[in-house]
């Protein structure tokens, strides 16, 4: 295996779950999310194999491919965009009592519903910052915005989510 293939294989292993989750939040089916995620990594490989030294932030690079691919997908589709917010934190310990588990599940459902109802930019900011644990500079690179603008976006997104949960 060539050095660039090995390196890209490691990149794939590191980021495939994050990219898949990001895509899944934008589409209404796991099959479509899988197909689009595969396409993200195929396009990434095409660019990576010839320009691996020129890519400064591979994570931002992959998210940008995903955003562009999703935009292309919805531009070519005539149906409305449906959002599936199937991301959920790890399941609670099986030893927890059923009452506590039902409260946790209820909270998860509330957050999912709230995420669907907020602005798409806010939803992306929340997913990247709180779920994917990206740093502000990384999000700024993905969005091609300044770091202060991203901090404001994250703050507004959190505020919008809290308002939606009320």
N, C-alpha and C. Protein backbone atom coordinates (compact mmCIF):
# COMPACT_ATOMS: atom_id res chain seq x y z
N UNK A 1 0.85 -1.17 0.00
CA UNK A 1 0.00 0.00 0.00
C UNK A 1 0.90 1.24 0.00
N UNK A 2 0.60 2.17 -0.89
CA UNK A 2 1.41 3.38 -0.96
C UNK A 2 1.23 4.21 0.30
N UNK A 3 2.18 5.09 0.55
CA UNK A 3 2.15 5.93 1.73
C UNK A 3 0.91 6.81 1.78
N UNK A 4 0.52 7.39 0.63
CA UNK A 4 -0.66 8.26 0.62
C UNK A 4 -1.94 7.44 0.86
N UNK A 5 -2.00 6.22 0.34
CA UNK A 5 -3.17 5.37 0.59
C UNK A 5 -3.27 5.00 2.06
N UNK A 6 -2.15 4.67 2.63
CA UNK A 6 -2.13 4.31 4.06
C UNK A 6 -2.56 5.50 4.91
N UNK A 7 -2.04 6.67 4.59
CA UNK A 7 -2.38 7.88 5.33
C UNK A 7 -3.87 8.20 5.19
N UNK A 8 -4.39 8.07 3.97
CA UNK A 8 -5.81 8.37 3.76
C UNK A 8 -6.69 7.31 4.44
N UNK A 9 -6.24 6.09 4.48
CA UNK A 9 -6.97 5.05 5.19
C UNK A 9 -7.09 5.39 6.68
N UNK A 10 -6.03 5.92 7.24
CA UNK A 10 -6.06 6.35 8.65
C UNK A 10 -7.01 7.55 8.83
N UNK A 11 -7.00 8.47 7.87
CA UNK A 11 -7.91 9.62 7.90
C UNK A 11 -9.35 9.13 7.85
N UNK A 12 -9.61 8.18 6.96
CA UNK A 12 -10.95 7.61 6.84
C UNK A 12 -11.40 7.02 8.18
N UNK A 13 -10.56 6.20 8.77
CA UNK A 13 -10.91 5.57 10.04
C UNK A 13 -11.19 6.60 11.13
N UNK A 14 -10.44 7.68 11.12
CA UNK A 14 -10.58 8.70 12.15
C UNK A 14 -11.85 9.54 11.98
N UNK A 15 -12.25 9.82 10.73
CA UNK A 15 -13.32 10.79 10.50
C UNK A 15 -14.62 10.22 9.93
N UNK A 16 -14.68 8.98 9.56
CA UNK A 16 -15.87 8.46 8.89
C UNK A 16 -17.12 8.57 9.75
N UNK A 17 -17.03 8.31 11.05
CA UNK A 17 -18.21 8.38 11.91
C UNK A 17 -18.71 9.81 12.04
N UNK A 18 -17.80 10.76 12.15
CA UNK A 18 -18.19 12.17 12.28
C UNK A 18 -18.86 12.66 11.00
N UNK A 19 -18.27 12.34 9.86
CA UNK A 19 -18.84 12.78 8.59
C UNK A 19 -20.19 12.11 8.37
N UNK A 20 -20.29 10.83 8.68
CA UNK A 20 -21.56 10.11 8.54
C UNK A 20 -22.64 10.77 9.40
N UNK A 21 -22.33 11.05 10.66
CA UNK A 21 -23.31 11.66 11.55
C UNK A 21 -23.74 13.03 11.01
N UNK A 22 -22.77 13.81 10.53
CA UNK A 22 -23.08 15.12 9.97
C UNK A 22 -24.04 14.98 8.78
N UNK A 23 -23.77 14.05 7.89
CA UNK A 23 -24.61 13.84 6.71
C UNK A 23 -25.99 13.32 7.14
N UNK A 24 -26.01 12.40 8.09
CA UNK A 24 -27.28 11.82 8.55
C UNK A 24 -28.20 12.88 9.13
N UNK A 25 -27.63 13.89 9.77
CA UNK A 25 -28.45 14.97 10.32
C UNK A 25 -29.13 15.78 9.22
N UNK A 26 -28.65 15.66 8.00
CA UNK A 26 -29.18 16.45 6.89
C UNK A 26 -30.13 15.69 5.99
N UNK A 27 -30.12 14.38 6.06
CA UNK A 27 -30.94 13.59 5.14
C UNK A 27 -31.90 12.71 5.93
N UNK A 28 -32.82 12.11 5.23
CA UNK A 28 -33.86 11.35 5.92
C UNK A 28 -33.70 9.84 5.84
N UNK A 29 -32.54 9.35 5.46
CA UNK A 29 -32.39 7.91 5.41
C UNK A 29 -30.94 7.50 5.67
N UNK A 30 -30.79 6.39 6.36
CA UNK A 30 -29.45 5.90 6.66
C UNK A 30 -28.75 5.45 5.37
N UNK A 31 -29.51 4.89 4.44
CA UNK A 31 -28.91 4.42 3.19
C UNK A 31 -28.34 5.61 2.40
N UNK A 32 -29.10 6.69 2.31
CA UNK A 32 -28.64 7.88 1.61
C UNK A 32 -27.42 8.48 2.32
N UNK A 33 -27.47 8.50 3.64
CA UNK A 33 -26.34 9.03 4.41
C UNK A 33 -25.09 8.19 4.15
N UNK A 34 -25.25 6.89 4.08
CA UNK A 34 -24.10 6.01 3.80
C UNK A 34 -23.54 6.28 2.41
N UNK A 35 -24.43 6.42 1.43
CA UNK A 35 -23.99 6.69 0.06
C UNK A 35 -23.27 8.03 -0.04
N UNK A 36 -23.84 9.05 0.58
CA UNK A 36 -23.23 10.37 0.51
C UNK A 36 -21.90 10.41 1.27
N UNK A 37 -21.83 9.72 2.39
CA UNK A 37 -20.58 9.66 3.15
C UNK A 37 -19.50 8.97 2.31
N UNK A 38 -19.87 7.92 1.64
CA UNK A 38 -18.93 7.22 0.76
C UNK A 38 -18.43 8.17 -0.33
N UNK A 39 -19.34 8.93 -0.90
CA UNK A 39 -18.97 9.89 -1.94
C UNK A 39 -18.05 10.98 -1.40
N UNK A 40 -18.29 11.42 -0.17
CA UNK A 40 -17.41 12.42 0.45
C UNK A 40 -15.98 11.90 0.48
N UNK A 41 -15.82 10.66 0.91
CA UNK A 41 -14.48 10.11 1.03
C UNK A 41 -13.86 9.77 -0.33
N UNK A 42 -14.70 9.45 -1.32
CA UNK A 42 -14.17 9.25 -2.67
C UNK A 42 -13.66 10.56 -3.24
N UNK A 43 -14.44 11.63 -3.09
CA UNK A 43 -14.00 12.94 -3.57
C UNK A 43 -12.77 13.41 -2.78
N UNK A 44 -12.79 13.13 -1.50
CA UNK A 44 -11.64 13.49 -0.68
C UNK A 44 -10.38 12.79 -1.16
N UNK A 45 -10.50 11.51 -1.48
CA UNK A 45 -9.33 10.76 -1.96
C UNK A 45 -8.82 11.33 -3.28
N UNK A 46 -9.74 11.66 -4.19
CA UNK A 46 -9.33 12.21 -5.48
C UNK A 46 -8.50 13.48 -5.30
N UNK A 47 -8.91 14.32 -4.37
CA UNK A 47 -8.17 15.56 -4.12
C UNK A 47 -6.91 15.28 -3.29
N UNK A 48 -7.01 14.36 -2.35
CA UNK A 48 -5.91 14.08 -1.43
C UNK A 48 -4.71 13.45 -2.13
N UNK A 49 -4.95 12.50 -3.01
CA UNK A 49 -3.84 11.75 -3.60
C UNK A 49 -2.89 12.63 -4.40
N UNK A 50 -3.39 13.73 -4.94
CA UNK A 50 -2.54 14.63 -5.72
C UNK A 50 -2.07 15.85 -4.94
N UNK A 51 -2.77 16.19 -3.86
CA UNK A 51 -2.49 17.43 -3.15
C UNK A 51 -2.38 17.26 -1.65
N UNK A 52 -1.96 16.11 -1.16
CA UNK A 52 -1.98 15.86 0.28
C UNK A 52 -1.15 16.88 1.06
N UNK A 53 -0.09 17.40 0.46
CA UNK A 53 0.75 18.37 1.17
C UNK A 53 0.11 19.76 1.23
N UNK A 54 -0.86 20.00 0.38
CA UNK A 54 -1.49 21.33 0.33
C UNK A 54 -2.71 21.44 1.24
N UNK A 55 -3.21 20.34 1.76
CA UNK A 55 -4.39 20.35 2.62
C UNK A 55 -3.94 20.61 4.05
N UNK A 56 -4.31 21.78 4.58
CA UNK A 56 -3.86 22.18 5.91
C UNK A 56 -4.65 21.51 7.03
N UNK A 57 -5.95 21.40 6.86
CA UNK A 57 -6.81 20.84 7.90
C UNK A 57 -7.73 19.82 7.25
N UNK A 58 -7.38 18.55 7.39
CA UNK A 58 -8.11 17.49 6.69
C UNK A 58 -9.56 17.39 7.17
N UNK A 59 -9.79 17.63 8.46
CA UNK A 59 -11.15 17.55 8.97
C UNK A 59 -12.03 18.64 8.35
N UNK A 60 -11.53 19.85 8.32
CA UNK A 60 -12.27 20.95 7.69
C UNK A 60 -12.48 20.66 6.21
N UNK A 61 -11.48 20.10 5.58
CA UNK A 61 -11.54 19.74 4.17
C UNK A 61 -12.68 18.74 3.92
N UNK A 62 -12.77 17.71 4.75
CA UNK A 62 -13.82 16.69 4.58
C UNK A 62 -15.21 17.25 4.86
N UNK A 63 -15.33 18.08 5.90
CA UNK A 63 -16.63 18.70 6.18
C UNK A 63 -17.06 19.61 5.03
N UNK A 64 -16.12 20.32 4.43
CA UNK A 64 -16.47 21.18 3.32
C UNK A 64 -16.93 20.37 2.12
N UNK A 65 -16.28 19.25 1.86
CA UNK A 65 -16.74 18.36 0.79
C UNK A 65 -18.16 17.89 1.09
N UNK A 66 -18.41 17.51 2.34
CA UNK A 66 -19.75 17.03 2.73
C UNK A 66 -20.79 18.12 2.53
N UNK A 67 -20.49 19.33 2.96
CA UNK A 67 -21.43 20.45 2.80
C UNK A 67 -21.73 20.69 1.32
N UNK A 68 -20.69 20.70 0.50
CA UNK A 68 -20.88 20.92 -0.93
C UNK A 68 -21.67 19.79 -1.57
N UNK A 69 -21.38 18.56 -1.18
CA UNK A 69 -22.09 17.41 -1.72
C UNK A 69 -23.57 17.45 -1.33
N UNK A 70 -23.85 17.81 -0.10
CA UNK A 70 -25.24 17.93 0.34
C UNK A 70 -25.96 19.04 -0.42
N UNK A 71 -25.28 20.15 -0.64
CA UNK A 71 -25.88 21.24 -1.42
C UNK A 71 -26.19 20.76 -2.84
N UNK A 72 -25.25 20.04 -3.45
CA UNK A 72 -25.48 19.48 -4.79
C UNK A 72 -26.64 18.51 -4.78
N UNK A 73 -26.67 17.67 -3.77
CA UNK A 73 -27.74 16.68 -3.67
C UNK A 73 -29.11 17.35 -3.63
N UNK A 74 -29.27 18.35 -2.78
CA UNK A 74 -30.57 19.00 -2.66
C UNK A 74 -30.88 19.92 -3.82
N UNK A 75 -29.86 20.40 -4.48
CA UNK A 75 -30.08 21.22 -5.68
C UNK A 75 -30.67 20.36 -6.79
N UNK A 76 -30.26 19.10 -6.84
CA UNK A 76 -30.72 18.20 -7.89
C UNK A 76 -32.00 17.45 -7.51
N UNK A 77 -32.37 17.48 -6.29
CA UNK A 77 -33.59 16.82 -5.84
C UNK A 77 -34.73 17.83 -5.84
N UNK A 78 -35.89 17.41 -6.23
CA UNK A 78 -37.03 18.33 -6.21
C UNK A 78 -37.81 18.24 -4.91
N UNK A 79 -37.57 17.20 -4.15
CA UNK A 79 -38.29 17.07 -2.89
C UNK A 79 -37.68 17.97 -1.82
N UNK A 80 -38.48 18.28 -0.82
CA UNK A 80 -38.03 19.15 0.27
C UNK A 80 -37.02 18.42 1.13
N UNK A 81 -36.14 19.19 1.75
CA UNK A 81 -35.14 18.60 2.65
C UNK A 81 -35.79 18.19 3.96
N UNK A 82 -35.60 16.95 4.31
CA UNK A 82 -36.07 16.44 5.59
C UNK A 82 -34.86 16.23 6.47
N UNK A 83 -35.00 16.49 7.74
CA UNK A 83 -33.87 16.36 8.64
C UNK A 83 -34.15 15.24 9.62
N UNK A 84 -33.23 14.32 9.69
CA UNK A 84 -33.33 13.24 10.65
C UNK A 84 -32.27 13.46 11.71
N UNK A 85 -32.71 13.61 12.92
CA UNK A 85 -31.76 13.85 14.01
C UNK A 85 -31.68 12.58 14.83
N UNK A 86 -31.00 11.59 14.28
CA UNK A 86 -30.94 10.29 14.93
C UNK A 86 -29.73 10.13 15.83
N UNK A 87 -28.91 11.17 15.90
CA UNK A 87 -27.75 11.04 16.78
C UNK A 87 -28.24 11.01 18.21
N UNK A 88 -27.78 10.08 18.93
CA UNK A 88 -28.13 10.01 20.35
C UNK A 88 -26.88 9.61 21.12
N UNK A 89 -26.74 10.09 22.33
CA UNK A 89 -25.59 9.69 23.13
C UNK A 89 -25.63 8.20 23.42
N UNK A 90 -24.54 7.65 23.92
CA UNK A 90 -24.53 6.21 24.22
C UNK A 90 -25.70 5.84 25.14
N UNK A 91 -26.18 4.64 24.94
CA UNK A 91 -27.29 4.17 25.76
C UNK A 91 -26.89 4.09 27.22
N UNK A 92 -27.82 4.35 28.11
CA UNK A 92 -27.51 4.26 29.53
C UNK A 92 -27.16 2.83 29.93
N UNK A 93 -26.49 2.71 31.04
CA UNK A 93 -26.12 1.40 31.58
C UNK A 93 -27.38 0.57 31.80
N UNK A 94 -27.34 -0.69 31.40
CA UNK A 94 -28.51 -1.55 31.51
C UNK A 94 -28.95 -1.74 32.95
N UNK A 95 -28.06 -1.45 33.91
CA UNK A 95 -28.40 -1.63 35.31
C UNK A 95 -29.25 -0.48 35.85
N UNK A 96 -29.33 0.63 35.10
CA UNK A 96 -30.14 1.75 35.56
C UNK A 96 -31.61 1.31 35.58
N UNK A 97 -32.35 1.89 36.48
CA UNK A 97 -33.75 1.50 36.53
C UNK A 97 -34.52 2.10 35.36
N UNK A 98 -35.62 1.50 35.06
CA UNK A 98 -36.43 1.87 33.89
C UNK A 98 -36.91 3.31 33.98
N UNK A 99 -37.24 3.78 35.14
CA UNK A 99 -37.72 5.15 35.29
C UNK A 99 -36.65 6.16 34.87
N UNK A 100 -35.42 5.95 35.33
CA UNK A 100 -34.34 6.85 34.97
C UNK A 100 -34.07 6.80 33.47
N UNK A 101 -34.12 5.60 32.91
CA UNK A 101 -33.91 5.45 31.46
C UNK A 101 -34.99 6.17 30.68
N UNK A 102 -36.21 6.14 31.14
CA UNK A 102 -37.29 6.82 30.43
C UNK A 102 -37.12 8.34 30.49
N UNK A 103 -36.61 8.86 31.61
CA UNK A 103 -36.34 10.29 31.71
C UNK A 103 -35.23 10.70 30.73
N UNK A 104 -34.20 9.89 30.68
CA UNK A 104 -33.09 10.17 29.76
C UNK A 104 -33.58 10.15 28.31
N UNK A 105 -34.35 9.13 27.97
CA UNK A 105 -34.87 9.01 26.60
C UNK A 105 -35.78 10.19 26.27
N UNK A 106 -36.56 10.61 27.24
CA UNK A 106 -37.44 11.76 27.04
C UNK A 106 -36.62 13.02 26.76
N UNK A 107 -35.54 13.21 27.50
CA UNK A 107 -34.66 14.36 27.27
C UNK A 107 -34.02 14.31 25.90
N UNK A 108 -33.58 13.13 25.50
CA UNK A 108 -32.96 12.96 24.18
C UNK A 108 -33.96 13.33 23.09
N UNK A 109 -35.19 12.87 23.22
CA UNK A 109 -36.22 13.17 22.23
C UNK A 109 -36.51 14.67 22.17
N UNK A 110 -36.52 15.33 23.32
CA UNK A 110 -36.74 16.78 23.34
C UNK A 110 -35.63 17.52 22.61
N UNK A 111 -34.39 17.11 22.85
CA UNK A 111 -33.25 17.76 22.19
C UNK A 111 -33.31 17.51 20.68
N UNK A 112 -33.62 16.28 20.27
CA UNK A 112 -33.75 15.98 18.84
C UNK A 112 -34.79 16.88 18.19
N UNK A 113 -35.95 16.98 18.82
CA UNK A 113 -37.02 17.82 18.28
C UNK A 113 -36.59 19.28 18.22
N UNK A 114 -35.91 19.74 19.23
CA UNK A 114 -35.46 21.13 19.26
C UNK A 114 -34.43 21.39 18.16
N UNK A 115 -33.53 20.45 17.93
CA UNK A 115 -32.53 20.61 16.88
C UNK A 115 -33.17 20.73 15.50
N UNK A 116 -34.21 19.98 15.28
CA UNK A 116 -34.90 20.03 13.99
C UNK A 116 -35.50 21.42 13.75
N UNK A 117 -35.89 22.08 14.82
CA UNK A 117 -36.61 23.35 14.70
C UNK A 117 -35.72 24.59 14.69
N UNK A 118 -34.41 24.43 14.82
CA UNK A 118 -33.56 25.62 14.81
C UNK A 118 -32.88 25.76 13.45
N UNK A 119 -32.37 26.93 13.20
CA UNK A 119 -31.68 27.28 11.98
C UNK A 119 -30.59 26.25 11.66
N UNK A 120 -30.42 25.93 10.39
CA UNK A 120 -29.45 24.92 9.98
C UNK A 120 -28.01 25.29 10.39
N UNK A 121 -27.65 26.56 10.26
CA UNK A 121 -26.31 26.98 10.68
C UNK A 121 -26.11 26.75 12.17
N UNK A 122 -27.14 27.01 12.96
CA UNK A 122 -27.06 26.79 14.40
C UNK A 122 -26.91 25.31 14.71
N UNK A 123 -27.69 24.50 14.00
CA UNK A 123 -27.65 23.05 14.21
C UNK A 123 -26.24 22.52 13.91
N UNK A 124 -25.66 22.97 12.79
CA UNK A 124 -24.31 22.54 12.44
C UNK A 124 -23.31 22.96 13.52
N UNK A 125 -23.43 24.19 13.98
CA UNK A 125 -22.51 24.70 15.00
C UNK A 125 -22.59 23.85 16.27
N UNK A 126 -23.80 23.51 16.68
CA UNK A 126 -23.98 22.71 17.89
C UNK A 126 -23.39 21.31 17.71
N UNK A 127 -23.65 20.70 16.57
CA UNK A 127 -23.13 19.35 16.31
C UNK A 127 -21.60 19.38 16.29
N UNK A 128 -21.03 20.33 15.57
CA UNK A 128 -19.57 20.37 15.47
C UNK A 128 -18.91 20.69 16.80
N UNK A 129 -19.45 21.65 17.52
CA UNK A 129 -18.80 22.11 18.74
C UNK A 129 -19.03 21.16 19.91
N UNK A 130 -20.29 20.76 20.11
CA UNK A 130 -20.61 19.97 21.30
C UNK A 130 -20.55 18.45 21.08
N UNK A 131 -20.91 17.98 19.91
CA UNK A 131 -20.91 16.54 19.68
C UNK A 131 -19.58 16.06 19.08
N UNK A 132 -19.11 16.77 18.05
CA UNK A 132 -17.85 16.37 17.43
C UNK A 132 -16.64 16.96 18.14
N UNK A 133 -16.89 17.88 19.06
CA UNK A 133 -15.85 18.52 19.87
C UNK A 133 -14.77 19.19 19.02
N UNK A 134 -15.23 19.84 17.93
CA UNK A 134 -14.30 20.62 17.12
C UNK A 134 -13.99 21.92 17.84
N UNK A 135 -12.81 22.43 17.63
CA UNK A 135 -12.41 23.71 18.20
C UNK A 135 -12.92 24.84 17.31
N UNK A 136 -13.04 26.02 17.89
CA UNK A 136 -13.53 27.18 17.15
C UNK A 136 -12.71 27.43 15.86
N UNK A 137 -11.38 27.36 15.91
CA UNK A 137 -10.62 27.58 14.67
C UNK A 137 -10.96 26.57 13.57
N UNK A 138 -11.24 25.32 13.96
CA UNK A 138 -11.60 24.31 12.97
C UNK A 138 -12.96 24.61 12.34
N UNK A 139 -13.91 25.02 13.15
CA UNK A 139 -15.23 25.37 12.64
C UNK A 139 -15.12 26.60 11.75
N UNK A 140 -14.30 27.56 12.15
CA UNK A 140 -14.10 28.77 11.34
C UNK A 140 -13.56 28.40 9.96
N UNK A 141 -12.65 27.45 9.93
CA UNK A 141 -12.08 27.01 8.66
C UNK A 141 -13.15 26.35 7.79
N UNK A 142 -13.98 25.50 8.39
CA UNK A 142 -15.04 24.82 7.64
C UNK A 142 -16.00 25.83 7.04
N UNK A 143 -16.39 26.81 7.85
CA UNK A 143 -17.40 27.79 7.43
C UNK A 143 -16.80 28.98 6.68
N UNK A 144 -15.48 29.04 6.65
CA UNK A 144 -14.79 30.18 6.04
C UNK A 144 -15.25 31.49 6.68
N UNK A 145 -15.24 31.48 8.02
CA UNK A 145 -15.61 32.66 8.81
C UNK A 145 -14.50 32.93 9.82
N UNK A 146 -14.55 34.12 10.39
CA UNK A 146 -13.57 34.45 11.42
C UNK A 146 -13.90 33.71 12.72
N UNK A 147 -12.91 33.55 13.57
CA UNK A 147 -13.13 32.87 14.85
C UNK A 147 -14.14 33.63 15.73
N UNK A 148 -14.06 34.97 15.80
CA UNK A 148 -15.08 35.68 16.59
C UNK A 148 -16.50 35.45 16.03
N UNK A 149 -16.63 35.40 14.72
CA UNK A 149 -17.95 35.15 14.13
C UNK A 149 -18.46 33.77 14.50
N UNK A 150 -17.57 32.79 14.56
CA UNK A 150 -17.96 31.43 14.94
C UNK A 150 -18.34 31.38 16.41
N UNK A 151 -17.61 32.08 17.26
CA UNK A 151 -17.97 32.12 18.68
C UNK A 151 -19.38 32.70 18.86
N UNK A 152 -19.68 33.75 18.12
CA UNK A 152 -21.01 34.35 18.19
C UNK A 152 -22.05 33.36 17.67
N UNK A 153 -21.74 32.67 16.58
CA UNK A 153 -22.65 31.68 16.02
C UNK A 153 -22.95 30.58 17.04
N UNK A 154 -21.93 30.07 17.71
CA UNK A 154 -22.11 29.02 18.71
C UNK A 154 -22.96 29.54 19.86
N UNK A 155 -22.68 30.75 20.29
CA UNK A 155 -23.45 31.35 21.39
C UNK A 155 -24.92 31.49 20.98
N UNK A 156 -25.18 32.00 19.80
CA UNK A 156 -26.56 32.16 19.32
C UNK A 156 -27.24 30.81 19.13
N UNK A 157 -26.48 29.84 18.65
CA UNK A 157 -27.04 28.50 18.44
C UNK A 157 -27.47 27.89 19.77
N UNK A 158 -26.63 28.02 20.76
CA UNK A 158 -26.97 27.48 22.08
C UNK A 158 -28.19 28.20 22.65
N UNK A 159 -28.24 29.51 22.46
CA UNK A 159 -29.40 30.29 22.93
C UNK A 159 -30.68 29.83 22.20
N UNK A 160 -30.58 29.64 20.89
CA UNK A 160 -31.75 29.20 20.11
C UNK A 160 -32.21 27.81 20.57
N UNK A 161 -31.26 26.94 20.84
CA UNK A 161 -31.61 25.59 21.32
C UNK A 161 -32.30 25.66 22.68
N UNK A 162 -31.76 26.48 23.55
CA UNK A 162 -32.37 26.62 24.87
C UNK A 162 -33.78 27.19 24.77
N UNK A 163 -33.97 28.16 23.89
CA UNK A 163 -35.30 28.74 23.68
C UNK A 163 -36.27 27.69 23.15
N UNK A 164 -35.78 26.87 22.25
CA UNK A 164 -36.62 25.84 21.65
C UNK A 164 -36.99 24.77 22.68
N UNK A 165 -36.14 24.56 23.67
CA UNK A 165 -36.40 23.55 24.70
C UNK A 165 -37.36 24.06 25.77
N UNK A 166 -37.62 25.34 25.81
CA UNK A 166 -38.54 25.88 26.83
C UNK A 166 -39.95 25.49 26.57
